[in-house]
Amino acid sequence: MSVPENNICSSAVVKEIHSDSVVVEMVIDSACSQCHAKGFCLPSGQRKEQITVPSTEANQFSIGELVSLEMHKSLGRKAVMIAYFFPFLVLAAGLLITYKLTHHDLLSVGVSLALTAIYFYIVYRFRDKLETQFTFSIKKKCEY
């Protein structure tokens, strides 16, 4: 079984099995974990994240099994846009427009930060809808 080119595949370990879902644990590496000097800077460049993956075939997996989580690449891009690109645009536009109208530095910064906070509040309010869009599929360990 190979990974389609339009999917992102990550390894995870099964921690819990429920009738309609599987809880897996992923080890997420930071960019620092790849650095040759990582031992001098940070105590650890990794963190563990538990994810609940809905699955109608949860009984196929066993606790401790190494599995693959797949997600469409387009969803990864969408997540980056929502979490980084759009907030940057809101911050920059708020700063530039407010400064252009008022010529007051502190007010411009305050308004742009307030607009960015409002943006993240709106994203937070729509978290349930977003959660249904950003789903993983679980499979037996994929080959690279």
N, C-alpha and C. Protein backbone atom coordinates (compact mmCIF):
# COMPACT_ATOMS: atom_id res chain seq x y z
N MET A 1 0.85 -1.17 0.00
CA MET A 1 0.00 0.00 0.00
C MET A 1 0.89 1.22 0.00
N SER A 2 0.69 2.12 -0.94
CA SER A 2 1.49 3.33 -1.00
C SER A 2 0.60 4.54 -0.74
N VAL A 3 1.21 5.64 -0.38
CA VAL A 3 0.48 6.85 -0.06
C VAL A 3 0.22 7.62 -1.35
N PRO A 4 -1.04 7.99 -1.61
CA PRO A 4 -1.30 8.82 -2.78
C PRO A 4 -0.56 10.15 -2.66
N GLU A 5 -0.19 10.72 -3.80
CA GLU A 5 0.60 11.95 -3.79
C GLU A 5 -0.13 13.12 -3.15
N ASN A 6 -1.46 13.10 -3.14
CA ASN A 6 -2.20 14.22 -2.57
C ASN A 6 -2.52 14.04 -1.09
N ASN A 7 -1.89 13.07 -0.44
CA ASN A 7 -2.09 12.84 0.99
C ASN A 7 -0.81 13.04 1.77
N ILE A 8 -0.98 13.42 3.03
CA ILE A 8 0.12 13.51 3.98
C ILE A 8 -0.02 12.31 4.91
N CYS A 9 1.06 11.60 5.13
CA CYS A 9 1.01 10.39 5.95
C CYS A 9 1.95 10.56 7.15
N SER A 10 1.42 10.27 8.35
CA SER A 10 2.23 10.34 9.57
C SER A 10 2.05 9.06 10.36
N SER A 11 3.08 8.66 11.08
CA SER A 11 3.01 7.47 11.91
C SER A 11 2.45 7.82 13.28
N ALA A 12 1.74 6.85 13.87
CA ALA A 12 1.16 7.03 15.20
C ALA A 12 1.04 5.66 15.85
N VAL A 13 0.85 5.67 17.16
CA VAL A 13 0.68 4.44 17.93
C VAL A 13 -0.71 4.43 18.54
N VAL A 14 -1.42 3.32 18.41
CA VAL A 14 -2.77 3.19 18.96
C VAL A 14 -2.70 3.15 20.48
N LYS A 15 -3.47 4.01 21.15
CA LYS A 15 -3.50 4.06 22.61
C LYS A 15 -4.80 3.53 23.18
N GLU A 16 -5.93 3.83 22.51
CA GLU A 16 -7.23 3.37 22.96
C GLU A 16 -8.07 3.00 21.75
N ILE A 17 -8.99 2.06 21.95
CA ILE A 17 -9.90 1.66 20.89
C ILE A 17 -11.32 1.75 21.43
N HIS A 18 -12.18 2.47 20.71
CA HIS A 18 -13.59 2.59 21.05
C HIS A 18 -14.39 1.99 19.92
N SER A 19 -15.69 1.89 20.08
CA SER A 19 -16.51 1.26 19.05
C SER A 19 -16.52 2.05 17.74
N ASP A 20 -16.42 3.38 17.83
CA ASP A 20 -16.51 4.20 16.61
C ASP A 20 -15.28 5.08 16.38
N SER A 21 -14.24 4.90 17.19
CA SER A 21 -13.04 5.73 17.03
C SER A 21 -11.82 5.04 17.61
N VAL A 22 -10.67 5.59 17.24
CA VAL A 22 -9.38 5.08 17.73
C VAL A 22 -8.59 6.29 18.23
N VAL A 23 -8.04 6.20 19.43
CA VAL A 23 -7.19 7.26 19.97
C VAL A 23 -5.74 6.86 19.69
N VAL A 24 -5.03 7.74 18.98
CA VAL A 24 -3.63 7.46 18.65
C VAL A 24 -2.75 8.55 19.21
N GLU A 25 -1.48 8.23 19.38
CA GLU A 25 -0.50 9.19 19.88
C GLU A 25 0.57 9.39 18.81
N MET A 26 0.75 10.65 18.43
CA MET A 26 1.78 11.01 17.44
C MET A 26 2.92 11.72 18.15
N VAL A 27 4.13 11.48 17.69
CA VAL A 27 5.28 12.23 18.15
C VAL A 27 5.54 13.31 17.11
N ILE A 28 5.44 14.56 17.53
CA ILE A 28 5.61 15.68 16.62
C ILE A 28 6.98 16.28 16.87
N ASP A 29 7.81 16.28 15.82
CA ASP A 29 9.15 16.84 15.91
C ASP A 29 9.11 18.32 15.56
N SER A 30 9.84 19.11 16.32
CA SER A 30 10.02 20.50 15.92
C SER A 30 11.17 20.57 14.93
N ALA A 31 11.34 21.71 14.32
CA ALA A 31 12.45 21.88 13.39
C ALA A 31 13.78 21.70 14.10
N CYS A 32 13.81 22.00 15.38
CA CYS A 32 15.05 21.89 16.15
C CYS A 32 15.53 20.45 16.27
N SER A 33 14.60 19.49 16.18
CA SER A 33 15.02 18.10 16.36
C SER A 33 15.94 17.63 15.24
N GLN A 34 15.96 18.32 14.12
CA GLN A 34 16.81 17.95 13.00
C GLN A 34 18.18 18.64 13.05
N CYS A 35 18.34 19.59 13.96
CA CYS A 35 19.56 20.39 14.02
C CYS A 35 20.68 19.61 14.72
N HIS A 36 21.90 19.78 14.24
CA HIS A 36 23.04 19.07 14.84
C HIS A 36 23.38 19.61 16.23
N ALA A 37 22.94 20.82 16.57
CA ALA A 37 23.25 21.42 17.87
C ALA A 37 22.05 21.39 18.81
N LYS A 38 21.09 20.52 18.55
CA LYS A 38 19.85 20.53 19.34
C LYS A 38 20.09 20.26 20.83
N GLY A 39 21.10 19.52 21.17
CA GLY A 39 21.37 19.21 22.57
C GLY A 39 21.82 20.41 23.38
N PHE A 40 22.30 21.44 22.73
CA PHE A 40 22.78 22.61 23.43
C PHE A 40 21.68 23.63 23.70
N CYS A 41 20.60 23.57 22.94
CA CYS A 41 19.56 24.60 23.04
C CYS A 41 18.36 24.15 23.86
N LEU A 42 17.73 23.08 23.44
CA LEU A 42 16.46 22.69 24.02
C LEU A 42 16.57 21.32 24.68
N PRO A 43 15.82 21.10 25.75
CA PRO A 43 15.82 19.78 26.36
C PRO A 43 15.19 18.73 25.45
N SER A 44 14.21 19.14 24.65
CA SER A 44 13.57 18.20 23.75
C SER A 44 12.95 18.94 22.59
N GLY A 45 13.10 18.40 21.41
CA GLY A 45 12.49 18.98 20.23
C GLY A 45 11.25 18.22 19.81
N GLN A 46 10.70 17.40 20.72
CA GLN A 46 9.55 16.59 20.38
C GLN A 46 8.45 16.79 21.41
N ARG A 47 7.21 16.62 20.94
CA ARG A 47 6.08 16.60 21.86
C ARG A 47 5.11 15.53 21.37
N LYS A 48 4.34 14.99 22.28
CA LYS A 48 3.39 13.94 21.93
C LYS A 48 1.98 14.53 21.91
N GLU A 49 1.22 14.13 20.92
CA GLU A 49 -0.13 14.64 20.74
C GLU A 49 -1.07 13.46 20.58
N GLN A 50 -2.16 13.45 21.36
CA GLN A 50 -3.16 12.40 21.22
C GLN A 50 -4.29 12.91 20.34
N ILE A 51 -4.69 12.09 19.38
CA ILE A 51 -5.72 12.46 18.41
C ILE A 51 -6.76 11.34 18.38
N THR A 52 -8.03 11.74 18.42
CA THR A 52 -9.11 10.77 18.28
C THR A 52 -9.53 10.76 16.81
N VAL A 53 -9.44 9.58 16.20
CA VAL A 53 -9.74 9.43 14.78
C VAL A 53 -11.01 8.59 14.65
N PRO A 54 -12.07 9.17 14.05
CA PRO A 54 -13.27 8.36 13.84
C PRO A 54 -12.99 7.22 12.87
N SER A 55 -13.50 6.03 13.18
CA SER A 55 -13.26 4.88 12.30
C SER A 55 -14.39 3.87 12.49
N THR A 56 -14.96 3.43 11.39
CA THR A 56 -15.99 2.39 11.45
C THR A 56 -15.35 1.01 11.60
N GLU A 57 -14.05 0.93 11.38
CA GLU A 57 -13.34 -0.35 11.46
C GLU A 57 -12.34 -0.34 12.62
N ALA A 58 -12.73 0.24 13.75
CA ALA A 58 -11.83 0.37 14.89
C ALA A 58 -11.38 -0.98 15.43
N ASN A 59 -12.20 -2.01 15.26
CA ASN A 59 -11.85 -3.33 15.79
C ASN A 59 -10.70 -4.00 15.03
N GLN A 60 -10.27 -3.43 13.91
CA GLN A 60 -9.14 -3.98 13.14
C GLN A 60 -7.80 -3.66 13.78
N PHE A 61 -7.79 -2.72 14.70
CA PHE A 61 -6.53 -2.25 15.29
C PHE A 61 -6.37 -2.79 16.70
N SER A 62 -5.13 -2.83 17.16
CA SER A 62 -4.87 -3.27 18.54
C SER A 62 -4.02 -2.23 19.24
N ILE A 63 -4.14 -2.17 20.55
CA ILE A 63 -3.39 -1.19 21.34
C ILE A 63 -1.90 -1.44 21.20
N GLY A 64 -1.14 -0.37 20.97
CA GLY A 64 0.30 -0.47 20.78
C GLY A 64 0.72 -0.64 19.33
N GLU A 65 -0.25 -0.84 18.44
CA GLU A 65 0.05 -1.05 17.02
C GLU A 65 0.48 0.25 16.37
N LEU A 66 1.47 0.15 15.48
CA LEU A 66 1.93 1.29 14.71
C LEU A 66 1.02 1.44 13.49
N VAL A 67 0.39 2.62 13.36
CA VAL A 67 -0.54 2.86 12.27
C VAL A 67 -0.15 4.13 11.52
N SER A 68 -0.86 4.40 10.44
CA SER A 68 -0.63 5.61 9.66
C SER A 68 -1.87 6.48 9.70
N LEU A 69 -1.65 7.76 9.85
CA LEU A 69 -2.73 8.74 9.75
C LEU A 69 -2.54 9.46 8.44
N GLU A 70 -3.61 9.57 7.67
CA GLU A 70 -3.53 10.26 6.39
C GLU A 70 -4.51 11.43 6.38
N MET A 71 -4.07 12.51 5.74
CA MET A 71 -4.91 13.68 5.56
C MET A 71 -4.57 14.26 4.19
N HIS A 72 -5.56 14.81 3.52
CA HIS A 72 -5.32 15.43 2.21
C HIS A 72 -4.41 16.64 2.38
N LYS A 73 -3.46 16.79 1.46
CA LYS A 73 -2.55 17.94 1.49
C LYS A 73 -3.30 19.26 1.44
N SER A 74 -4.39 19.30 0.71
CA SER A 74 -5.16 20.54 0.60
C SER A 74 -5.68 20.99 1.96
N LEU A 75 -5.98 20.05 2.85
CA LEU A 75 -6.41 20.41 4.20
C LEU A 75 -5.26 21.01 5.00
N GLY A 76 -4.05 20.52 4.76
CA GLY A 76 -2.88 21.10 5.42
C GLY A 76 -2.67 22.54 5.01
N ARG A 77 -2.82 22.79 3.71
CA ARG A 77 -2.69 24.17 3.21
C ARG A 77 -3.78 25.06 3.78
N LYS A 78 -4.98 24.52 3.84
CA LYS A 78 -6.11 25.29 4.39
C LYS A 78 -5.86 25.64 5.86
N ALA A 79 -5.31 24.70 6.61
CA ALA A 79 -5.00 24.96 8.02
C ALA A 79 -3.96 26.05 8.17
N VAL A 80 -2.94 26.04 7.32
CA VAL A 80 -1.91 27.08 7.35
C VAL A 80 -2.51 28.43 7.02
N MET A 81 -3.40 28.47 6.05
CA MET A 81 -4.05 29.73 5.69
C MET A 81 -4.86 30.28 6.86
N ILE A 82 -5.64 29.41 7.51
CA ILE A 82 -6.49 29.85 8.62
C ILE A 82 -5.67 30.26 9.83
N ALA A 83 -4.61 29.51 10.13
CA ALA A 83 -3.85 29.76 11.36
C ALA A 83 -2.77 30.82 11.23
N TYR A 84 -2.23 31.03 10.03
CA TYR A 84 -1.10 31.94 9.89
C TYR A 84 -1.32 33.07 8.88
N PHE A 85 -1.76 32.71 7.66
CA PHE A 85 -1.83 33.70 6.59
C PHE A 85 -2.93 34.74 6.83
N PHE A 86 -4.16 34.30 7.07
CA PHE A 86 -5.25 35.24 7.28
C PHE A 86 -5.05 36.12 8.51
N PRO A 87 -4.58 35.57 9.64
CA PRO A 87 -4.33 36.47 10.78
C PRO A 87 -3.26 37.51 10.46
N PHE A 88 -2.24 37.12 9.69
CA PHE A 88 -1.22 38.09 9.30
C PHE A 88 -1.82 39.20 8.45
N LEU A 89 -2.70 38.81 7.51
CA LEU A 89 -3.36 39.82 6.68
C LEU A 89 -4.22 40.76 7.52
N VAL A 90 -4.97 40.22 8.46
CA VAL A 90 -5.81 41.04 9.34
C VAL A 90 -4.93 42.00 10.14
N LEU A 91 -3.84 41.49 10.70
CA LEU A 91 -2.93 42.31 11.49
C LEU A 91 -2.31 43.42 10.63
N ALA A 92 -1.78 43.06 9.47
CA ALA A 92 -1.12 44.04 8.61
C ALA A 92 -2.12 45.06 8.07
N ALA A 93 -3.27 44.60 7.60
CA ALA A 93 -4.27 45.52 7.05
C ALA A 93 -4.78 46.46 8.14
N GLY A 94 -5.04 45.91 9.32
CA GLY A 94 -5.50 46.76 10.43
C GLY A 94 -4.48 47.81 10.79
N LEU A 95 -3.23 47.42 10.81
CA LEU A 95 -2.15 48.36 11.15
C LEU A 95 -2.03 49.46 10.09
N LEU A 96 -1.97 49.06 8.83
CA LEU A 96 -1.78 50.03 7.76
C LEU A 96 -2.98 50.97 7.60
N ILE A 97 -4.17 50.42 7.62
CA ILE A 97 -5.37 51.25 7.44
C ILE A 97 -5.56 52.21 8.60
N THR A 98 -5.40 51.70 9.82
CA THR A 98 -5.56 52.58 10.99
C THR A 98 -4.50 53.67 11.00
N TYR A 99 -3.28 53.32 10.67
CA TYR A 99 -2.22 54.34 10.65
C TYR A 99 -2.49 55.38 9.55
N LYS A 100 -2.96 54.91 8.41
CA LYS A 100 -3.25 55.82 7.30
C LYS A 100 -4.36 56.81 7.69
N LEU A 101 -5.33 56.34 8.47
CA LEU A 101 -6.45 57.20 8.87
C LEU A 101 -6.12 58.11 10.05
N THR A 102 -5.32 57.61 11.00
CA THR A 102 -5.11 58.37 12.25
C THR A 102 -3.71 58.93 12.42
N HIS A 103 -2.72 58.35 11.77
CA HIS A 103 -1.30 58.71 11.96
C HIS A 103 -0.88 58.62 13.43
N HIS A 104 -1.45 57.65 14.12
CA HIS A 104 -1.14 57.43 15.53
C HIS A 104 -0.63 56.00 15.70
N ASP A 105 0.65 55.87 16.07
CA ASP A 105 1.29 54.55 16.14
C ASP A 105 0.61 53.61 17.13
N LEU A 106 0.47 54.06 18.36
CA LEU A 106 -0.04 53.20 19.42
C LEU A 106 -1.48 52.77 19.13
N LEU A 107 -2.29 53.68 18.65
CA LEU A 107 -3.67 53.35 18.29
C LEU A 107 -3.70 52.31 17.16
N SER A 108 -2.84 52.47 16.19
CA SER A 108 -2.78 51.54 15.06
C SER A 108 -2.41 50.13 15.53
N VAL A 109 -1.44 50.05 16.42
CA VAL A 109 -1.04 48.74 16.96
C VAL A 109 -2.19 48.13 17.75
N GLY A 110 -2.83 48.92 18.59
CA GLY A 110 -3.95 48.42 19.40
C GLY A 110 -5.10 47.92 18.55
N VAL A 111 -5.47 48.69 17.54
CA VAL A 111 -6.57 48.28 16.66
C VAL A 111 -6.20 47.01 15.90
N SER A 112 -4.99 46.93 15.39
CA SER A 112 -4.60 45.74 14.63
C SER A 112 -4.56 44.49 15.52
N LEU A 113 -4.09 44.63 16.75
CA LEU A 113 -4.10 43.49 17.67
C LEU A 113 -5.53 43.10 18.06
N ALA A 114 -6.39 44.10 18.24
CA ALA A 114 -7.80 43.82 18.57
C ALA A 114 -8.48 43.09 17.40
N LEU A 115 -8.23 43.53 16.19
CA LEU A 115 -8.81 42.87 15.02
C LEU A 115 -8.32 41.43 14.89
N THR A 116 -7.05 41.22 15.18
CA THR A 116 -6.49 39.86 15.13
C THR A 116 -7.12 38.98 16.21
N ALA A 117 -7.33 39.55 17.39
CA ALA A 117 -7.99 38.80 18.47
C ALA A 117 -9.42 38.45 18.07
N ILE A 118 -10.12 39.37 17.44
CA ILE A 118 -11.48 39.11 16.98
C ILE A 118 -11.47 37.99 15.93
N TYR A 119 -10.49 38.03 15.03
CA TYR A 119 -10.37 36.97 14.02
C TYR A 119 -10.23 35.60 14.68
N PHE A 120 -9.32 35.49 15.67
CA PHE A 120 -9.13 34.21 16.34
C PHE A 120 -10.36 33.80 17.15
N TYR A 121 -11.09 34.76 17.68
CA TYR A 121 -12.33 34.44 18.39
C TYR A 121 -13.36 33.85 17.42
N ILE A 122 -13.45 34.42 16.23
CA ILE A 122 -14.36 33.89 15.22
C ILE A 122 -13.96 32.47 14.82
N VAL A 123 -12.67 32.25 14.63
CA VAL A 123 -12.19 30.89 14.31
C VAL A 123 -12.54 29.95 15.46
N TYR A 124 -12.37 30.40 16.70
CA TYR A 124 -12.70 29.58 17.87
C TYR A 124 -14.19 29.24 17.88
N ARG A 125 -15.04 30.19 17.56
CA ARG A 125 -16.49 29.95 17.56
C ARG A 125 -16.90 28.93 16.49
N PHE A 126 -16.14 28.86 15.39
CA PHE A 126 -16.44 27.92 14.32
C PHE A 126 -15.61 26.64 14.44
N ARG A 127 -15.03 26.38 15.60
CA ARG A 127 -14.15 25.23 15.77
C ARG A 127 -14.84 23.90 15.51
N ASP A 128 -16.13 23.78 15.87
CA ASP A 128 -16.83 22.52 15.62
C ASP A 128 -16.97 22.25 14.13
N LYS A 129 -17.29 23.28 13.37
CA LYS A 129 -17.41 23.12 11.92
C LYS A 129 -16.04 22.80 11.31
N LEU A 130 -15.01 23.50 11.77
CA LEU A 130 -13.66 23.24 11.26
C LEU A 130 -13.19 21.84 11.63
N GLU A 131 -13.55 21.39 12.82
CA GLU A 131 -13.13 20.06 13.28
C GLU A 131 -13.69 18.97 12.38
N THR A 132 -14.88 19.17 11.85
CA THR A 132 -15.46 18.16 10.95
C THR A 132 -14.77 18.16 9.59
N GLN A 133 -14.18 19.29 9.21
CA GLN A 133 -13.48 19.37 7.93
C GLN A 133 -12.08 18.79 8.00
N PHE A 134 -11.41 18.97 9.13
CA PHE A 134 -10.02 18.53 9.28
C PHE A 134 -10.00 17.17 9.96
N THR A 135 -10.20 16.13 9.18
CA THR A 135 -10.23 14.79 9.73
C THR A 135 -9.10 13.94 9.15
N PHE A 136 -8.63 13.04 9.97
CA PHE A 136 -7.62 12.06 9.56
C PHE A 136 -8.34 10.77 9.21
N SER A 137 -7.72 9.97 8.39
CA SER A 137 -8.15 8.59 8.22
C SER A 137 -7.02 7.72 8.75
N ILE A 138 -7.41 6.60 9.33
CA ILE A 138 -6.42 5.71 9.94
C ILE A 138 -6.30 4.44 9.09
N LYS A 139 -5.07 4.00 8.90
CA LYS A 139 -4.82 2.80 8.12
C LYS A 139 -3.69 2.01 8.79
N LYS A 140 -3.58 0.76 8.39
CA LYS A 140 -2.42 -0.03 8.82
C LYS A 140 -1.17 0.70 8.35
N LYS A 141 -0.04 0.47 8.95
CA LYS A 141 1.20 1.20 8.65
C LYS A 141 1.44 1.33 7.17
N CYS A 142 1.60 2.60 6.70
CA CYS A 142 1.83 2.83 5.26
C CYS A 142 3.30 2.67 4.92
N GLU A 143 3.56 2.35 3.67
CA GLU A 143 4.91 2.20 3.17
C GLU A 143 5.33 3.48 2.47
N TYR A 144 6.60 3.81 2.55
CA TYR A 144 7.08 5.03 1.92
C TYR A 144 7.82 4.70 0.67
